Amino acid sequence: MRARADGCPRLICFDLDGTLYQDNSIYPRIIRHFFQDTPYRDWIPEVQARMERVLRGKEPFRCGQFAPKQAAEAPRSVDDLFAVPTVTALLEPDPTPYFDRSRYTYISDGWTLAMYLARRIGWAGDAFWNRFRRAREDLVSEQYGPKPEAGLISALEALRQKGIRLVLCSNAAAEGGWALLRHLRLDGSFDEILFDAEKPRSFPERVRNWGYPAEQILFIGDQGYYDLYAGKRLGAATVLISPYHVEDACLWDRRITTLRELVSCLRALSGGQEAGEKGPPQTETGA
């Protein structure tokens, strides 16, 4: 299959959560959902404050790292919840031992960090997922949920008009994922929508099924390991969108931090950037 003459990708694969919206209110509420009605309820404000330090890169425990998936043994303080050895495994010569999801968790944002801390105080199985659904419900509420972004909707439509195939590929469950897409008014913005996607393990087969050479595909997501790593290994281009300090940010072809930058990047790909607006941001190695 021939490459586009204009150098644009033929297919763009987007993540959903943390990529097509940005959240600064729900991930602290995840802590409230899990810590209330437990012996650790009085820790909620301190845990939330500590999370903010992690996201800003002010703690040894940081985004872009893998942490052991294990409950804390009789934690006596908030310090005990964070007292785990973390590794920026994607920068290691052989990161594959850390890809065992029964043993390790990749921390990429406030959501994954909050879910990890919930498991540290003992939540597991159906009880864990029942509480987590409360956070998904917050996402589509008027009080806490993100607002639809008209600029993003129009930028996606311009890409489709240019003939670029748009795929949404999310590990979210279908019911909650569709509800969020409708809330964001993005349910009609993609050529293909995949939930329960089992990323990143499913990516090699999906790329083959899409029928495009990897070098004609662009992956956009907020989680390096889950959204971008497999695509990069296959030879695709990658864009990380994250407002947080991310230890493995240097791995990805481009780094942007806000939804506004994402819209600008997409407009540039469709040839519709505004006068005076810069093209797609270049790689940043710092966060």
Protein backbone atom coordinates (compact mmCIF):
# COMPACT_ATOMS: atom_id res chain seq x y z
CA MET A 1 0.00 0.00 0.00
CA ARG A 2 1.50 3.34 -1.01
CA ALA A 3 2.23 6.05 1.55
CA ARG A 4 0.28 9.30 1.39
CA ALA A 5 1.99 11.90 -0.74
CA ASP A 6 1.56 14.52 2.01
CA GLY A 7 3.32 12.39 4.64
CA CYS A 8 0.24 12.18 6.90
CA PRO A 9 -0.62 8.91 8.62
CA ARG A 10 -3.26 6.79 6.95
CA LEU A 11 -4.67 5.63 10.29
CA ILE A 12 -4.64 7.22 13.75
CA CYS A 13 -5.31 5.06 16.79
CA PHE A 14 -6.56 7.05 19.79
CA ASP A 15 -6.91 6.06 23.40
CA LEU A 16 -9.99 7.40 25.23
CA ASP A 17 -9.47 8.03 28.95
CA GLY A 18 -6.96 10.78 29.64
CA THR A 19 -6.46 11.34 25.90
CA LEU A 20 -9.73 12.76 24.53
CA TYR A 21 -10.45 14.59 27.78
CA GLN A 22 -8.36 15.61 30.78
CA ASP A 23 -9.43 15.19 34.39
CA ASN A 24 -8.36 17.02 37.52
CA SER A 25 -11.34 16.28 39.75
CA ILE A 26 -12.36 12.62 39.49
CA TYR A 27 -9.10 10.88 40.31
CA PRO A 28 -9.03 12.42 43.83
CA ARG A 29 -12.63 11.23 44.20
CA ILE A 30 -11.52 7.68 43.42
CA ILE A 31 -9.60 7.81 46.70
CA ARG A 32 -12.76 8.94 48.47
CA HIS A 33 -14.78 6.14 46.88
CA PHE A 34 -12.32 3.50 48.06
CA PHE A 35 -11.10 4.89 51.40
CA GLN A 36 -14.41 5.97 52.93
CA ASP A 37 -16.04 3.35 55.13
CA THR A 38 -12.63 1.76 55.79
CA PRO A 39 -10.14 2.07 58.69
CA TYR A 40 -8.17 4.44 56.43
CA ARG A 41 -10.89 7.05 55.86
CA ASP A 42 -9.02 9.70 57.88
CA TRP A 43 -6.10 9.39 55.48
CA ILE A 44 -8.08 10.68 52.49
CA PRO A 45 -6.80 14.31 52.47
CA GLU A 46 -3.19 13.26 53.02
CA VAL A 47 -3.36 10.57 50.33
CA GLN A 48 -4.84 13.05 47.85
CA ALA A 49 -2.09 15.58 48.63
CA ARG A 50 0.59 12.93 48.26
CA MET A 51 -0.85 11.92 44.88
CA GLU A 52 -0.44 15.49 43.63
CA ARG A 53 3.24 15.37 44.58
CA VAL A 54 3.65 12.12 42.66
CA LEU A 55 2.00 13.57 39.55
CA ARG A 56 4.30 16.61 39.70
CA GLY A 57 7.39 14.41 40.01
CA LYS A 58 8.10 15.43 43.61
CA GLU A 59 8.29 11.87 44.96
CA PRO A 60 10.49 8.84 44.14
CA PHE A 61 7.21 7.11 43.14
CA ARG A 62 6.40 8.62 39.72
CA CYS A 63 4.36 8.25 36.56
CA GLY A 64 5.98 6.19 33.84
CA GLN A 65 7.08 3.56 36.36
CA PHE A 66 6.05 -0.01 37.17
CA ALA A 67 5.17 -0.86 40.77
CA PRO A 68 4.63 -4.29 42.37
CA LYS A 69 0.97 -5.27 42.59
CA GLN A 70 0.65 -6.20 46.24
CA ALA A 71 -1.41 -5.05 49.19
CA ALA A 72 0.38 -3.25 52.00
CA GLU A 73 0.73 -5.37 55.11
CA ALA A 74 -1.08 -3.62 57.98
CA PRO A 75 -0.18 -0.08 56.86
CA ARG A 76 0.25 2.31 59.76
CA SER A 77 0.66 5.52 57.77
CA VAL A 78 0.26 6.99 54.30
CA ASP A 79 4.01 6.51 53.86
CA ASP A 80 3.48 2.76 53.96
CA LEU A 81 1.19 2.92 50.91
CA PHE A 82 3.96 4.48 48.82
CA ALA A 83 6.82 2.42 50.24
CA VAL A 84 7.32 0.16 47.23
CA PRO A 85 10.24 -0.25 44.78
CA THR A 86 9.36 1.33 41.43
CA VAL A 87 11.18 0.89 38.13
CA THR A 88 11.11 2.93 34.92
CA ALA A 89 11.08 -0.40 33.14
CA LEU A 90 10.55 0.83 29.57
CA LEU A 91 14.01 2.42 29.77
CA GLU A 92 15.57 -0.88 30.85
CA PRO A 93 17.38 -3.11 28.30
CA ASP A 94 14.78 -5.84 28.90
CA PRO A 95 11.50 -4.55 30.36
CA THR A 96 9.50 -7.72 29.68
CA PRO A 97 9.59 -9.13 33.26
CA TYR A 98 7.51 -6.11 34.31
CA PHE A 99 4.78 -6.80 31.75
CA ASP A 100 3.28 -9.54 33.97
CA ARG A 101 0.04 -7.80 35.01
CA SER A 102 -0.49 -10.24 37.87
CA ARG A 103 2.71 -8.91 39.45
CA TYR A 104 3.14 -5.29 38.32
CA THR A 105 1.10 -2.18 37.63
CA TYR A 106 2.11 0.63 35.25
CA ILE A 107 1.48 4.02 36.84
CA SER A 108 0.69 6.67 34.25
CA ASP A 109 -1.76 9.18 35.71
CA GLY A 110 -4.06 10.04 38.61
CA TRP A 111 -6.47 7.23 37.74
CA THR A 112 -3.92 4.42 37.67
CA LEU A 113 -2.28 5.79 40.81
CA ALA A 114 -5.60 5.97 42.68
CA MET A 115 -6.52 2.44 41.61
CA TYR A 116 -3.10 1.21 42.74
CA LEU A 117 -3.51 2.81 46.17
CA ALA A 118 -6.97 1.24 46.50
CA ARG A 119 -5.39 -2.17 46.00
CA ARG A 120 -2.71 -1.28 48.53
CA ILE A 121 -5.38 -1.07 51.25
CA GLY A 122 -6.82 -4.42 50.25
CA TRP A 123 -9.49 -3.86 47.59
CA ALA A 124 -9.64 -6.71 45.07
CA GLY A 125 -11.98 -8.73 42.85
CA ASP A 126 -15.61 -7.72 42.34
CA ALA A 127 -15.56 -5.46 45.39
CA PHE A 128 -12.83 -3.38 43.74
CA TRP A 129 -14.64 -3.08 40.40
CA ASN A 130 -17.98 -2.26 42.05
CA ARG A 131 -16.39 0.74 43.75
CA PHE A 132 -14.50 1.72 40.61
CA ARG A 133 -17.79 1.95 38.69
CA ARG A 134 -18.70 4.92 40.89
CA ALA A 135 -15.79 6.83 39.37
CA ARG A 136 -16.96 5.91 35.86
CA GLU A 137 -20.38 7.28 36.78
CA ASP A 138 -18.76 10.53 37.90
CA LEU A 139 -17.26 10.86 34.41
CA VAL A 140 -20.67 11.28 32.80
CA SER A 141 -22.12 13.51 35.52
CA GLU A 142 -22.71 17.22 34.99
CA GLN A 143 -20.97 18.04 38.28
CA TYR A 144 -17.68 16.17 37.81
CA GLY A 145 -17.47 14.99 34.21
CA PRO A 146 -15.39 16.64 31.48
CA LYS A 147 -17.16 18.97 29.08
CA PRO A 148 -17.43 18.27 25.33
CA GLU A 149 -14.68 20.03 23.39
CA ALA A 150 -16.02 21.49 20.14
CA GLY A 151 -12.52 22.02 18.75
CA LEU A 152 -11.68 18.34 19.15
CA ILE A 153 -14.91 17.24 17.47
CA SER A 154 -14.26 19.47 14.45
CA ALA A 155 -10.57 18.46 14.26
CA LEU A 156 -11.49 14.77 14.13
CA GLU A 157 -14.06 15.43 11.42
CA ALA A 158 -11.45 17.30 9.35
CA LEU A 159 -9.12 14.30 9.56
CA ARG A 160 -11.84 11.95 8.34
CA GLN A 161 -12.65 14.30 5.46
CA LYS A 162 -8.98 14.13 4.51
CA GLY A 163 -9.31 10.34 4.22
CA ILE A 164 -7.46 9.41 7.41
CA ARG A 165 -9.02 6.45 9.19
CA LEU A 166 -9.69 7.10 12.87
CA VAL A 167 -9.80 4.26 15.38
CA LEU A 168 -10.66 4.51 19.07
CA CYS A 169 -9.08 1.67 21.03
CA SER A 170 -9.74 1.61 24.77
CA ASN A 171 -9.32 -0.86 27.62
CA ALA A 172 -12.48 0.56 29.20
CA ALA A 173 -15.53 -1.66 29.45
CA ALA A 174 -17.98 -1.10 26.60
CA GLU A 175 -20.91 0.11 28.71
CA GLY A 176 -18.97 2.85 30.48
CA GLY A 177 -16.95 3.67 27.38
CA TRP A 178 -19.99 4.28 25.19
CA ALA A 179 -21.63 6.38 27.90
CA LEU A 180 -18.52 8.56 28.07
CA LEU A 181 -18.29 8.92 24.29
CA ARG A 182 -21.90 10.07 24.16
CA HIS A 183 -21.24 12.49 27.03
CA LEU A 184 -18.28 13.95 25.10
CA ARG A 185 -20.32 13.96 21.84
CA LEU A 186 -17.62 11.85 20.20
CA ASP A 187 -19.67 8.72 19.52
CA GLY A 188 -19.89 9.61 15.81
CA SER A 189 -16.29 10.76 15.39
CA PHE A 190 -14.52 7.46 14.62
CA ASP A 191 -14.49 4.90 11.84
CA GLU A 192 -13.93 2.05 14.29
CA ILE A 193 -14.49 1.86 18.06
CA LEU A 194 -12.99 -0.91 20.19
CA PHE A 195 -13.60 -1.37 23.92
CA ASP A 196 -12.25 -4.08 26.24
CA ALA A 197 -9.26 -3.92 23.91
CA GLU A 198 -6.68 -5.70 26.09
CA LYS A 199 -3.97 -3.23 25.16
CA PRO A 200 -1.06 -3.53 24.58
CA ARG A 201 -1.17 -7.30 23.97
CA SER A 202 -3.77 -6.99 21.21
CA PHE A 203 -1.92 -4.36 19.16
CA PRO A 204 0.27 -6.58 16.92
CA GLU A 205 -2.76 -8.49 15.64
CA ARG A 206 -4.87 -5.34 15.32
CA VAL A 207 -2.20 -3.63 13.23
CA ARG A 208 -2.13 -6.61 10.88
CA ASN A 209 -5.93 -6.56 10.62
CA TRP A 210 -6.02 -2.84 9.84
CA GLY A 211 -4.02 -3.54 6.69
CA TYR A 212 -1.70 -0.53 6.88
CA PRO A 213 2.08 -0.68 7.27
CA ALA A 214 3.04 0.34 10.80
CA GLU A 215 4.92 3.37 9.48
CA GLN A 216 1.60 4.74 8.18
CA ILE A 217 -0.05 4.53 11.62
CA LEU A 218 0.03 7.07 14.45
CA PHE A 219 -0.75 6.11 18.05
CA ILE A 220 -1.98 8.83 20.42
CA GLY A 221 -2.47 8.16 24.14
CA ASP A 222 -1.70 9.22 27.68
CA GLN A 223 -0.22 5.92 28.92
CA GLY A 224 3.14 5.05 27.45
CA TYR A 225 3.04 1.33 28.08
CA TYR A 226 -0.64 0.63 27.40
CA ASP A 227 -1.22 3.05 24.51
CA LEU A 228 2.10 3.61 22.75
CA TYR A 229 4.78 1.01 23.49
CA ALA A 230 3.54 -1.81 21.26
CA GLY A 231 2.96 0.63 18.39
CA LYS A 232 6.47 2.02 18.74
CA ARG A 233 7.95 -1.49 18.75
CA LEU A 234 6.09 -2.20 15.51
CA GLY A 235 7.47 0.95 13.87
CA ALA A 236 4.49 3.32 14.21
CA ALA A 237 4.72 6.97 15.24
CA THR A 238 3.68 7.92 18.77
CA VAL A 239 2.34 10.99 20.57
CA LEU A 240 2.13 11.11 24.36
CA ILE A 241 -0.44 13.50 25.82
CA SER A 242 -0.03 13.99 29.56
CA PRO A 243 0.08 16.99 31.90
CA TYR A 244 2.11 15.04 34.47
CA HIS A 245 5.78 14.39 35.11
CA VAL A 246 6.39 11.14 33.19
CA GLU A 247 9.68 9.29 33.62
CA ASP A 248 9.60 7.54 30.23
CA ALA A 249 8.42 10.58 28.22
CA CYS A 250 11.67 10.58 26.22
CA LEU A 251 10.63 7.36 24.45
CA TRP A 252 7.80 8.84 22.38
CA ASP A 253 8.11 10.77 19.15
CA ARG A 254 6.16 13.76 20.45
CA ARG A 255 5.05 14.95 23.84
CA ILE A 256 2.11 17.31 24.38
CA THR A 257 0.47 18.24 27.65
CA THR A 258 -3.01 19.64 27.03
CA LEU A 259 -6.16 18.94 25.06
CA ARG A 260 -5.69 22.29 23.33
CA GLU A 261 -2.28 21.15 22.06
CA LEU A 262 -3.85 17.91 20.85
CA VAL A 263 -6.44 19.85 18.84
CA SER A 264 -3.68 22.00 17.34
CA CYS A 265 -1.69 18.88 16.43
CA LEU A 266 -4.70 17.26 14.75
CA ARG A 267 -5.53 20.41 12.81
CA ALA A 268 -1.97 20.53 11.53
CA LEU A 269 -2.26 16.93 10.32
CA SER A 270 -5.41 17.81 8.39
CA GLY A 271 -3.77 20.89 6.90
CA GLY A 272 -6.13 23.21 8.71
CA GLN A 273 -3.95 24.93 11.29
CA GLU A 274 -4.84 28.53 11.99
CA ALA A 275 -2.69 31.45 10.88
CA GLY A 276 0.14 32.05 13.30
CA GLU A 277 -0.33 28.67 14.94
CA LYS A 278 2.67 26.42 15.23
CA GLY A 279 2.75 22.90 13.84
CA PRO A 280 2.68 19.72 15.93
CA PRO A 281 4.84 20.09 19.06
CA GLN A 282 8.20 18.36 18.97
CA THR A 283 9.50 15.81 21.44
CA GLU A 284 10.13 16.98 24.99
CA THR A 285 12.29 14.86 27.23
CA GLY A 286 11.27 16.64 30.42
CA ALA A 287 7.83 16.64 31.96
